[in-house]
Amino acid sequence: MKTRTTRLIHLVAAMAISLAATTLPAHAGERMTDRCSAEVAIVPSYDDRPDTIGTVILKRGPNGATDWTPPFTVRLNSAGRIRWWCHSTTGNAFDPGTWRLKDVTVGVGCQIFPDGQPESCGPAPGIKLGSSAWNGWTPERSRCGNRTNLIRARLGPDRLLQIECVGK
């Protein structure tokens, strides 16, 4: 009787462990790694700017790092993305991450002579660039695999930014 009871306890324990393992979120604890050479602002909602009340600002210490923030929530966009801003474009307007392609046109340009005949025709491309920066902050985005909105973050040396997915 004692061995039957022991086997039953082991079976129940194994089932409980198995059940717990299969119900744990697959992406909880996921860490996203990005880069930013200065401060980082993680905004409360995807469409917010760094000056929004409730924004979490991470500033590098003398060693180039910060501690982990306590977990906090953010509002995601419809694709499940988190918005964060990098403050590295102040004094660095030529940072390639700042610029966005706004419009591209391809046409043909010709010299037209007084008799109306075209000559010297060739491609006439047009490219318009725009800046995504706002007051020296460049918008960036990340997404937890399980689309959680409960995160924590820290800065590390060598421009490191880590955002950890805490929820789900």
N, C-alpha and C. Protein backbone atom coordinates (compact mmCIF):
# COMPACT_ATOMS: atom_id res chain seq x y z
N MET A 1 0.83 -1.20 0.00
CA MET A 1 0.00 0.00 0.00
C MET A 1 0.87 1.25 0.00
N LYS A 2 1.98 1.17 0.77
CA LYS A 2 2.85 2.32 0.87
C LYS A 2 3.49 2.65 -0.49
N THR A 3 3.91 1.64 -1.25
CA THR A 3 4.51 1.91 -2.57
C THR A 3 3.48 2.46 -3.55
N ARG A 4 2.24 1.99 -3.45
CA ARG A 4 1.20 2.52 -4.32
C ARG A 4 0.96 4.00 -4.01
N THR A 5 0.93 4.36 -2.74
CA THR A 5 0.75 5.75 -2.33
C THR A 5 1.93 6.58 -2.78
N THR A 6 3.14 6.06 -2.64
CA THR A 6 4.35 6.77 -3.07
C THR A 6 4.32 7.00 -4.57
N ARG A 7 3.95 5.98 -5.34
CA ARG A 7 3.86 6.13 -6.79
C ARG A 7 2.80 7.16 -7.17
N LEU A 8 1.68 7.15 -6.46
CA LEU A 8 0.62 8.10 -6.73
C LEU A 8 1.10 9.52 -6.46
N ILE A 9 1.83 9.73 -5.38
CA ILE A 9 2.37 11.06 -5.04
C ILE A 9 3.36 11.50 -6.12
N HIS A 10 4.22 10.58 -6.57
CA HIS A 10 5.20 10.91 -7.60
C HIS A 10 4.49 11.26 -8.92
N LEU A 11 3.45 10.51 -9.25
CA LEU A 11 2.69 10.78 -10.46
C LEU A 11 2.02 12.14 -10.40
N VAL A 12 1.38 12.45 -9.28
CA VAL A 12 0.73 13.75 -9.11
C VAL A 12 1.76 14.88 -9.18
N ALA A 13 2.91 14.69 -8.53
CA ALA A 13 3.97 15.70 -8.56
C ALA A 13 4.48 15.91 -9.99
N ALA A 14 4.70 14.81 -10.71
CA ALA A 14 5.18 14.92 -12.09
C ALA A 14 4.15 15.62 -12.96
N MET A 15 2.87 15.34 -12.76
CA MET A 15 1.83 16.01 -13.54
C MET A 15 1.78 17.50 -13.22
N ALA A 16 1.94 17.84 -11.95
CA ALA A 16 1.91 19.25 -11.55
C ALA A 16 3.09 20.00 -12.16
N ILE A 17 4.27 19.40 -12.14
CA ILE A 17 5.44 20.04 -12.74
C ILE A 17 5.26 20.19 -14.24
N SER A 18 4.75 19.16 -14.87
CA SER A 18 4.52 19.20 -16.31
C SER A 18 3.50 20.28 -16.67
N LEU A 19 2.43 20.36 -15.91
CA LEU A 19 1.40 21.37 -16.15
C LEU A 19 1.96 22.77 -15.97
N ALA A 20 2.74 22.96 -14.90
CA ALA A 20 3.33 24.28 -14.66
C ALA A 20 4.28 24.66 -15.79
N ALA A 21 5.06 23.72 -16.27
CA ALA A 21 6.01 24.01 -17.35
C ALA A 21 5.31 24.36 -18.64
N THR A 22 4.19 23.75 -18.92
CA THR A 22 3.49 24.03 -20.18
C THR A 22 2.65 25.29 -20.11
N THR A 23 2.34 25.78 -18.93
CA THR A 23 1.53 26.99 -18.83
C THR A 23 2.37 28.24 -18.64
N LEU A 24 3.68 28.08 -18.41
CA LEU A 24 4.54 29.25 -18.28
C LEU A 24 4.66 29.94 -19.64
N PRO A 25 4.71 31.27 -19.66
CA PRO A 25 4.84 31.97 -20.93
C PRO A 25 6.18 31.67 -21.58
N ALA A 26 6.14 31.49 -22.87
CA ALA A 26 7.36 31.15 -23.59
C ALA A 26 8.34 32.30 -23.64
N HIS A 27 7.85 33.55 -23.60
CA HIS A 27 8.74 34.69 -23.79
C HIS A 27 8.96 35.52 -22.52
N ALA A 28 8.39 35.13 -21.40
CA ALA A 28 8.64 35.88 -20.17
C ALA A 28 10.13 35.80 -19.89
N GLY A 29 10.72 36.92 -19.54
CA GLY A 29 12.15 36.96 -19.28
C GLY A 29 12.97 37.22 -20.54
N GLU A 30 12.32 37.35 -21.69
CA GLU A 30 13.03 37.67 -22.93
C GLU A 30 13.72 39.03 -22.77
N ARG A 31 14.95 39.12 -23.22
CA ARG A 31 15.67 40.39 -23.17
C ARG A 31 15.99 40.86 -24.58
N MET A 32 15.54 42.07 -24.86
CA MET A 32 15.83 42.68 -26.16
C MET A 32 17.05 43.57 -25.99
N THR A 33 17.97 43.47 -26.90
CA THR A 33 19.20 44.26 -26.85
C THR A 33 19.20 45.26 -27.99
N ASP A 34 19.41 46.52 -27.64
CA ASP A 34 19.50 47.59 -28.62
C ASP A 34 20.70 48.45 -28.26
N ARG A 35 20.90 49.50 -29.01
CA ARG A 35 22.03 50.41 -28.77
C ARG A 35 21.56 51.86 -28.79
N CYS A 36 22.11 52.64 -27.88
CA CYS A 36 21.88 54.08 -27.83
C CYS A 36 23.05 54.68 -27.05
N SER A 37 23.68 55.69 -27.60
CA SER A 37 24.90 56.21 -26.97
C SER A 37 24.63 57.21 -25.84
N ALA A 38 23.40 57.61 -25.65
CA ALA A 38 23.11 58.59 -24.60
C ALA A 38 21.90 58.14 -23.78
N GLU A 39 21.08 59.11 -23.37
CA GLU A 39 19.89 58.78 -22.57
C GLU A 39 18.86 58.05 -23.41
N VAL A 40 18.00 57.30 -22.72
CA VAL A 40 16.90 56.61 -23.36
C VAL A 40 15.62 57.02 -22.65
N ALA A 41 14.57 57.28 -23.42
CA ALA A 41 13.25 57.59 -22.87
C ALA A 41 12.28 56.50 -23.33
N ILE A 42 11.67 55.80 -22.39
CA ILE A 42 10.64 54.81 -22.72
C ILE A 42 9.31 55.46 -22.36
N VAL A 43 8.51 55.72 -23.39
CA VAL A 43 7.29 56.50 -23.21
C VAL A 43 6.12 55.63 -22.79
N PRO A 44 5.12 56.24 -22.08
CA PRO A 44 3.99 55.46 -21.57
C PRO A 44 3.13 54.83 -22.66
N SER A 45 3.04 55.48 -23.82
CA SER A 45 2.21 54.98 -24.92
C SER A 45 3.00 55.15 -26.22
N TYR A 46 2.79 54.24 -27.15
CA TYR A 46 3.59 54.19 -28.38
C TYR A 46 3.68 55.54 -29.09
N ASP A 47 2.60 56.30 -29.14
CA ASP A 47 2.59 57.56 -29.89
C ASP A 47 3.08 58.76 -29.10
N ASP A 48 3.56 58.55 -27.87
CA ASP A 48 4.00 59.67 -27.03
C ASP A 48 5.42 60.11 -27.38
N ARG A 49 5.73 61.35 -26.97
CA ARG A 49 7.08 61.90 -27.12
C ARG A 49 7.79 61.83 -25.77
N PRO A 50 9.11 62.05 -25.76
CA PRO A 50 9.86 61.96 -24.51
C PRO A 50 9.46 62.96 -23.43
N ASP A 51 8.74 64.02 -23.78
CA ASP A 51 8.33 65.00 -22.79
C ASP A 51 6.98 64.66 -22.15
N THR A 52 6.45 63.49 -22.45
CA THR A 52 5.15 63.06 -21.90
C THR A 52 5.30 62.69 -20.43
N ILE A 53 4.32 63.10 -19.62
CA ILE A 53 4.32 62.73 -18.20
C ILE A 53 4.25 61.21 -18.09
N GLY A 54 5.07 60.66 -17.22
CA GLY A 54 5.11 59.21 -17.03
C GLY A 54 6.20 58.52 -17.82
N THR A 55 6.95 59.29 -18.63
CA THR A 55 8.06 58.71 -19.40
C THR A 55 9.17 58.27 -18.44
N VAL A 56 9.73 57.10 -18.67
CA VAL A 56 10.86 56.60 -17.89
C VAL A 56 12.14 57.00 -18.62
N ILE A 57 12.97 57.82 -17.97
CA ILE A 57 14.22 58.28 -18.56
C ILE A 57 15.38 57.52 -17.91
N LEU A 58 16.22 56.93 -18.75
CA LEU A 58 17.42 56.24 -18.28
C LEU A 58 18.63 57.09 -18.64
N LYS A 59 19.43 57.48 -17.63
CA LYS A 59 20.64 58.28 -17.86
C LYS A 59 21.84 57.47 -17.40
N ARG A 60 22.85 57.41 -18.23
CA ARG A 60 24.04 56.63 -17.91
C ARG A 60 24.80 57.23 -16.73
N GLY A 61 25.26 56.35 -15.86
CA GLY A 61 26.10 56.76 -14.75
C GLY A 61 27.54 56.89 -15.22
N PRO A 62 28.46 57.21 -14.30
CA PRO A 62 29.88 57.37 -14.66
C PRO A 62 30.46 56.11 -15.32
N ASN A 63 29.94 54.95 -14.97
CA ASN A 63 30.45 53.70 -15.56
C ASN A 63 29.72 53.36 -16.87
N GLY A 64 28.82 54.23 -17.32
CA GLY A 64 28.09 54.01 -18.57
C GLY A 64 26.88 53.12 -18.42
N ALA A 65 26.49 52.78 -17.20
CA ALA A 65 25.39 51.84 -16.98
C ALA A 65 24.39 52.39 -15.98
N THR A 66 23.25 51.70 -15.88
CA THR A 66 22.25 51.97 -14.85
C THR A 66 21.83 50.64 -14.25
N ASP A 67 21.16 50.70 -13.12
CA ASP A 67 20.52 49.51 -12.56
C ASP A 67 19.25 49.22 -13.36
N TRP A 68 18.70 48.03 -13.16
CA TRP A 68 17.40 47.71 -13.75
C TRP A 68 16.33 48.60 -13.13
N THR A 69 15.41 49.07 -13.93
CA THR A 69 14.26 49.80 -13.40
C THR A 69 13.34 48.78 -12.73
N PRO A 70 12.48 49.22 -11.84
CA PRO A 70 11.40 48.32 -11.40
C PRO A 70 10.50 48.05 -12.61
N PRO A 71 9.77 46.95 -12.63
CA PRO A 71 8.86 46.70 -13.75
C PRO A 71 7.81 47.83 -13.88
N PHE A 72 7.49 48.18 -15.11
CA PHE A 72 6.47 49.19 -15.38
C PHE A 72 5.73 48.81 -16.65
N THR A 73 4.55 49.41 -16.83
CA THR A 73 3.74 49.07 -18.00
C THR A 73 3.79 50.19 -19.03
N VAL A 74 3.65 49.81 -20.28
CA VAL A 74 3.57 50.75 -21.39
C VAL A 74 2.39 50.34 -22.25
N ARG A 75 1.85 51.30 -22.99
CA ARG A 75 0.76 50.99 -23.93
C ARG A 75 1.39 50.75 -25.29
N LEU A 76 1.09 49.60 -25.88
CA LEU A 76 1.67 49.19 -27.16
C LEU A 76 0.88 49.76 -28.33
N ASN A 77 1.49 49.75 -29.52
CA ASN A 77 0.72 50.10 -30.71
C ASN A 77 -0.03 48.85 -31.17
N SER A 78 -0.78 48.96 -32.27
CA SER A 78 -1.61 47.83 -32.72
C SER A 78 -0.78 46.61 -33.12
N ALA A 79 0.49 46.81 -33.45
CA ALA A 79 1.37 45.69 -33.81
C ALA A 79 2.11 45.14 -32.59
N GLY A 80 1.80 45.66 -31.39
CA GLY A 80 2.43 45.16 -30.17
C GLY A 80 3.79 45.75 -29.88
N ARG A 81 4.13 46.89 -30.47
CA ARG A 81 5.45 47.48 -30.29
C ARG A 81 5.50 48.48 -29.15
N ILE A 82 6.68 48.56 -28.55
CA ILE A 82 7.02 49.52 -27.50
C ILE A 82 7.78 50.65 -28.17
N ARG A 83 7.47 51.90 -27.81
CA ARG A 83 8.23 53.05 -28.35
C ARG A 83 9.25 53.49 -27.31
N TRP A 84 10.47 53.64 -27.76
CA TRP A 84 11.51 54.26 -26.93
C TRP A 84 12.28 55.23 -27.79
N TRP A 85 12.88 56.21 -27.15
CA TRP A 85 13.58 57.27 -27.86
C TRP A 85 15.02 57.32 -27.40
N CYS A 86 15.94 57.53 -28.33
CA CYS A 86 17.37 57.65 -28.05
C CYS A 86 17.75 59.12 -28.20
N HIS A 87 18.45 59.66 -27.21
CA HIS A 87 18.81 61.08 -27.22
C HIS A 87 20.22 61.31 -27.77
N SER A 88 20.62 60.55 -28.75
CA SER A 88 21.99 60.62 -29.24
C SER A 88 22.17 61.55 -30.43
N THR A 89 21.11 62.19 -30.90
CA THR A 89 21.25 63.03 -32.09
C THR A 89 21.55 64.49 -31.76
N THR A 90 21.59 64.85 -30.47
CA THR A 90 21.93 66.22 -30.12
C THR A 90 23.36 66.48 -30.58
N GLY A 91 23.55 67.45 -31.46
CA GLY A 91 24.87 67.75 -31.97
C GLY A 91 25.35 66.74 -33.00
N ASN A 92 24.51 65.82 -33.40
CA ASN A 92 24.90 64.80 -34.37
C ASN A 92 23.78 64.64 -35.40
N ALA A 93 23.50 65.71 -36.11
CA ALA A 93 22.38 65.71 -37.06
C ALA A 93 22.59 64.76 -38.22
N PHE A 94 23.83 64.30 -38.42
CA PHE A 94 24.10 63.42 -39.55
C PHE A 94 24.04 61.95 -39.17
N ASP A 95 23.56 61.64 -37.98
CA ASP A 95 23.37 60.25 -37.57
C ASP A 95 22.39 59.61 -38.55
N PRO A 96 22.78 58.49 -39.21
CA PRO A 96 21.90 57.91 -40.23
C PRO A 96 20.57 57.42 -39.69
N GLY A 97 20.47 57.11 -38.40
CA GLY A 97 19.21 56.66 -37.83
C GLY A 97 18.18 57.76 -37.70
N THR A 98 18.62 59.00 -37.87
CA THR A 98 17.74 60.15 -37.73
C THR A 98 16.92 60.40 -38.99
N TRP A 99 17.43 60.01 -40.12
CA TRP A 99 16.82 60.39 -41.39
C TRP A 99 15.91 59.31 -41.93
N ARG A 100 14.80 59.74 -42.51
CA ARG A 100 13.82 58.83 -43.10
C ARG A 100 13.57 59.25 -44.55
N LEU A 101 13.41 58.28 -45.40
CA LEU A 101 13.07 58.52 -46.79
C LEU A 101 11.60 58.89 -46.84
N LYS A 102 11.28 60.10 -47.32
CA LYS A 102 9.90 60.58 -47.36
C LYS A 102 9.25 60.35 -48.71
N ASP A 103 10.01 60.57 -49.79
CA ASP A 103 9.42 60.48 -51.12
C ASP A 103 10.50 60.18 -52.14
N VAL A 104 10.19 59.30 -53.08
CA VAL A 104 11.09 59.00 -54.18
C VAL A 104 10.28 59.10 -55.47
N THR A 105 10.80 59.86 -56.42
CA THR A 105 10.14 59.96 -57.72
C THR A 105 11.18 59.66 -58.79
N VAL A 106 10.73 59.04 -59.86
CA VAL A 106 11.59 58.77 -61.00
C VAL A 106 10.84 59.27 -62.23
N GLY A 107 11.52 60.08 -62.98
CA GLY A 107 10.91 60.62 -64.19
C GLY A 107 11.95 60.75 -65.28
N VAL A 108 11.57 61.45 -66.30
CA VAL A 108 12.48 61.70 -67.41
C VAL A 108 12.57 63.21 -67.60
N GLY A 109 13.77 63.69 -67.77
CA GLY A 109 13.99 65.11 -68.03
C GLY A 109 14.61 65.28 -69.41
N CYS A 110 14.12 66.26 -70.14
CA CYS A 110 14.63 66.51 -71.49
C CYS A 110 14.86 68.00 -71.68
N GLN A 111 15.82 68.34 -72.53
CA GLN A 111 15.97 69.71 -73.00
C GLN A 111 15.00 69.88 -74.15
N ILE A 112 14.25 70.93 -74.14
CA ILE A 112 13.29 71.18 -75.23
C ILE A 112 13.79 72.40 -76.02
N PHE A 113 13.92 72.20 -77.30
CA PHE A 113 14.37 73.29 -78.16
C PHE A 113 13.18 74.12 -78.63
N PRO A 114 13.44 75.34 -79.17
CA PRO A 114 12.35 76.22 -79.60
C PRO A 114 11.38 75.57 -80.58
N ASP A 115 11.83 74.62 -81.36
CA ASP A 115 10.91 73.98 -82.31
C ASP A 115 10.09 72.87 -81.65
N GLY A 116 10.25 72.66 -80.30
CA GLY A 116 9.46 71.67 -79.57
C GLY A 116 10.03 70.27 -79.56
N GLN A 117 11.18 70.09 -80.17
CA GLN A 117 11.79 68.78 -80.21
C GLN A 117 12.63 68.54 -78.95
N PRO A 118 12.41 67.38 -78.30
CA PRO A 118 13.22 67.07 -77.12
C PRO A 118 14.60 66.56 -77.52
N GLU A 119 15.57 66.86 -76.68
CA GLU A 119 16.92 66.36 -76.89
C GLU A 119 17.59 66.20 -75.54
N SER A 120 18.58 65.37 -75.50
CA SER A 120 19.33 65.11 -74.26
C SER A 120 18.42 64.65 -73.13
N CYS A 121 17.59 63.65 -73.42
CA CYS A 121 16.69 63.11 -72.40
C CYS A 121 17.43 62.13 -71.50
N GLY A 122 17.03 62.09 -70.24
CA GLY A 122 17.64 61.15 -69.30
C GLY A 122 16.83 61.05 -68.04
N PRO A 123 17.22 60.14 -67.17
CA PRO A 123 16.47 59.98 -65.92
C PRO A 123 16.58 61.23 -65.06
N ALA A 124 15.49 61.52 -64.36
CA ALA A 124 15.44 62.68 -63.46
C ALA A 124 14.87 62.22 -62.12
N PRO A 125 15.73 61.63 -61.28
CA PRO A 125 15.24 61.14 -59.99
C PRO A 125 15.04 62.28 -58.99
N GLY A 126 14.15 62.07 -58.08
CA GLY A 126 13.91 63.01 -57.00
C GLY A 126 13.80 62.27 -55.68
N ILE A 127 14.54 62.71 -54.69
CA ILE A 127 14.52 62.07 -53.37
C ILE A 127 14.29 63.15 -52.33
N LYS A 128 13.33 62.92 -51.45
CA LYS A 128 13.08 63.84 -50.35
C LYS A 128 13.34 63.10 -49.04
N LEU A 129 14.18 63.70 -48.21
CA LEU A 129 14.47 63.14 -46.90
C LEU A 129 13.78 63.96 -45.83
N GLY A 130 13.46 63.32 -44.73
CA GLY A 130 12.88 63.99 -43.58
C GLY A 130 13.52 63.45 -42.32
N SER A 131 13.47 64.22 -41.28
CA SER A 131 14.05 63.80 -40.01
C SER A 131 12.97 63.21 -39.12
N SER A 132 13.29 62.12 -38.46
CA SER A 132 12.36 61.53 -37.50
C SER A 132 12.63 62.04 -36.10
N ALA A 133 13.69 62.82 -35.94
CA ALA A 133 14.09 63.28 -34.61
C ALA A 133 13.13 64.36 -34.09
N TRP A 134 13.03 64.40 -32.77
CA TRP A 134 12.27 65.45 -32.09
C TRP A 134 13.17 65.99 -30.98
N ASN A 135 13.60 67.24 -31.11
CA ASN A 135 14.46 67.89 -30.12
C ASN A 135 15.68 67.04 -29.74
N GLY A 136 16.29 66.41 -30.73
CA GLY A 136 17.49 65.61 -30.48
C GLY A 136 17.21 64.16 -30.10
N TRP A 137 15.94 63.78 -29.99
CA TRP A 137 15.56 62.40 -29.66
C TRP A 137 15.14 61.68 -30.94
N THR A 138 15.65 60.48 -31.14
CA THR A 138 15.29 59.66 -32.31
C THR A 138 14.36 58.53 -31.86
N PRO A 139 13.19 58.39 -32.51
CA PRO A 139 12.27 57.32 -32.11
C PRO A 139 12.76 55.94 -32.56
N GLU A 140 12.65 54.99 -31.69
CA GLU A 140 13.00 53.60 -31.97
C GLU A 140 11.85 52.74 -31.48
N ARG A 141 11.88 51.45 -31.79
CA ARG A 141 10.79 50.58 -31.34
C ARG A 141 11.32 49.17 -31.11
N SER A 142 10.63 48.47 -30.22
CA SER A 142 10.95 47.08 -29.89
C SER A 142 9.64 46.36 -29.63
N ARG A 143 9.70 45.03 -29.64
CA ARG A 143 8.49 44.25 -29.35
C ARG A 143 8.88 42.96 -28.64
N CYS A 144 8.20 42.69 -27.52
CA CYS A 144 8.37 41.42 -26.84
C CYS A 144 7.68 40.34 -27.66
N GLY A 145 8.27 39.16 -27.71
CA GLY A 145 7.70 38.07 -28.48
C GLY A 145 6.29 37.71 -28.07
N ASN A 146 5.99 37.89 -26.78
CA ASN A 146 4.63 37.56 -26.31
C ASN A 146 3.75 38.80 -26.21
N ARG A 147 4.25 39.93 -26.72
CA ARG A 147 3.52 41.19 -26.75
C ARG A 147 3.08 41.67 -25.36
N THR A 148 3.91 41.41 -24.39
CA THR A 148 3.61 41.92 -23.05
C THR A 148 3.82 43.43 -23.01
N ASN A 149 3.13 44.09 -22.11
CA ASN A 149 3.35 45.52 -21.92
C ASN A 149 3.97 45.79 -20.54
N LEU A 150 4.38 44.74 -19.85
CA LEU A 150 5.07 44.88 -18.56
C LEU A 150 6.55 44.62 -18.81
N ILE A 151 7.37 45.67 -18.63
CA ILE A 151 8.79 45.58 -18.95
C ILE A 151 9.63 46.19 -17.84
N ARG A 152 10.92 45.99 -17.92
CA ARG A 152 11.90 46.73 -17.14
C ARG A 152 13.09 46.96 -18.05
N ALA A 153 13.94 47.92 -17.72
CA ALA A 153 15.03 48.29 -18.64
C ALA A 153 16.26 48.72 -17.87
N ARG A 154 17.39 48.67 -18.58
CA ARG A 154 18.64 49.19 -18.04
C ARG A 154 19.57 49.55 -19.18
N LEU A 155 20.54 50.42 -18.86
CA LEU A 155 21.59 50.77 -19.80
C LEU A 155 22.87 50.10 -19.34
N GLY A 156 23.70 49.73 -20.30
CA GLY A 156 24.99 49.12 -19.99
C GLY A 156 26.09 49.82 -20.76
N PRO A 157 27.32 49.37 -20.57
CA PRO A 157 28.44 49.98 -21.30
C PRO A 157 28.33 49.70 -22.80
N ASP A 158 29.13 50.41 -23.56
CA ASP A 158 29.17 50.24 -25.02
C ASP A 158 27.81 50.48 -25.67
N ARG A 159 27.10 51.52 -25.23
CA ARG A 159 25.82 51.94 -25.82
C ARG A 159 24.69 50.95 -25.61
N LEU A 160 24.85 49.97 -24.74
CA LEU A 160 23.87 48.91 -24.54
C LEU A 160 22.58 49.43 -23.91
N LEU A 161 21.46 48.99 -24.47
CA LEU A 161 20.13 49.15 -23.87
C LEU A 161 19.51 47.76 -23.84
N GLN A 162 19.06 47.34 -22.67
CA GLN A 162 18.33 46.09 -22.55
C GLN A 162 16.94 46.37 -22.02
N ILE A 163 15.95 45.79 -22.70
CA ILE A 163 14.56 45.84 -22.24
C ILE A 163 14.14 44.40 -22.01
N GLU A 164 13.69 44.13 -20.79
CA GLU A 164 13.27 42.77 -20.44
C GLU A 164 11.76 42.69 -20.39
N CYS A 165 11.23 41.68 -21.04
CA CYS A 165 9.79 41.40 -21.04
C CYS A 165 9.47 40.67 -19.76
N VAL A 166 8.69 41.27 -18.88
CA VAL A 166 8.43 40.71 -17.55
C VAL A 166 7.10 39.96 -17.52
N GLY A 167 6.08 40.50 -18.16
CA GLY A 167 4.73 39.96 -18.03
C GLY A 167 4.43 38.77 -18.92
N LYS A 168 3.23 38.24 -18.72
CA LYS A 168 2.63 37.12 -19.43
C LYS A 168 3.42 35.88 -19.18
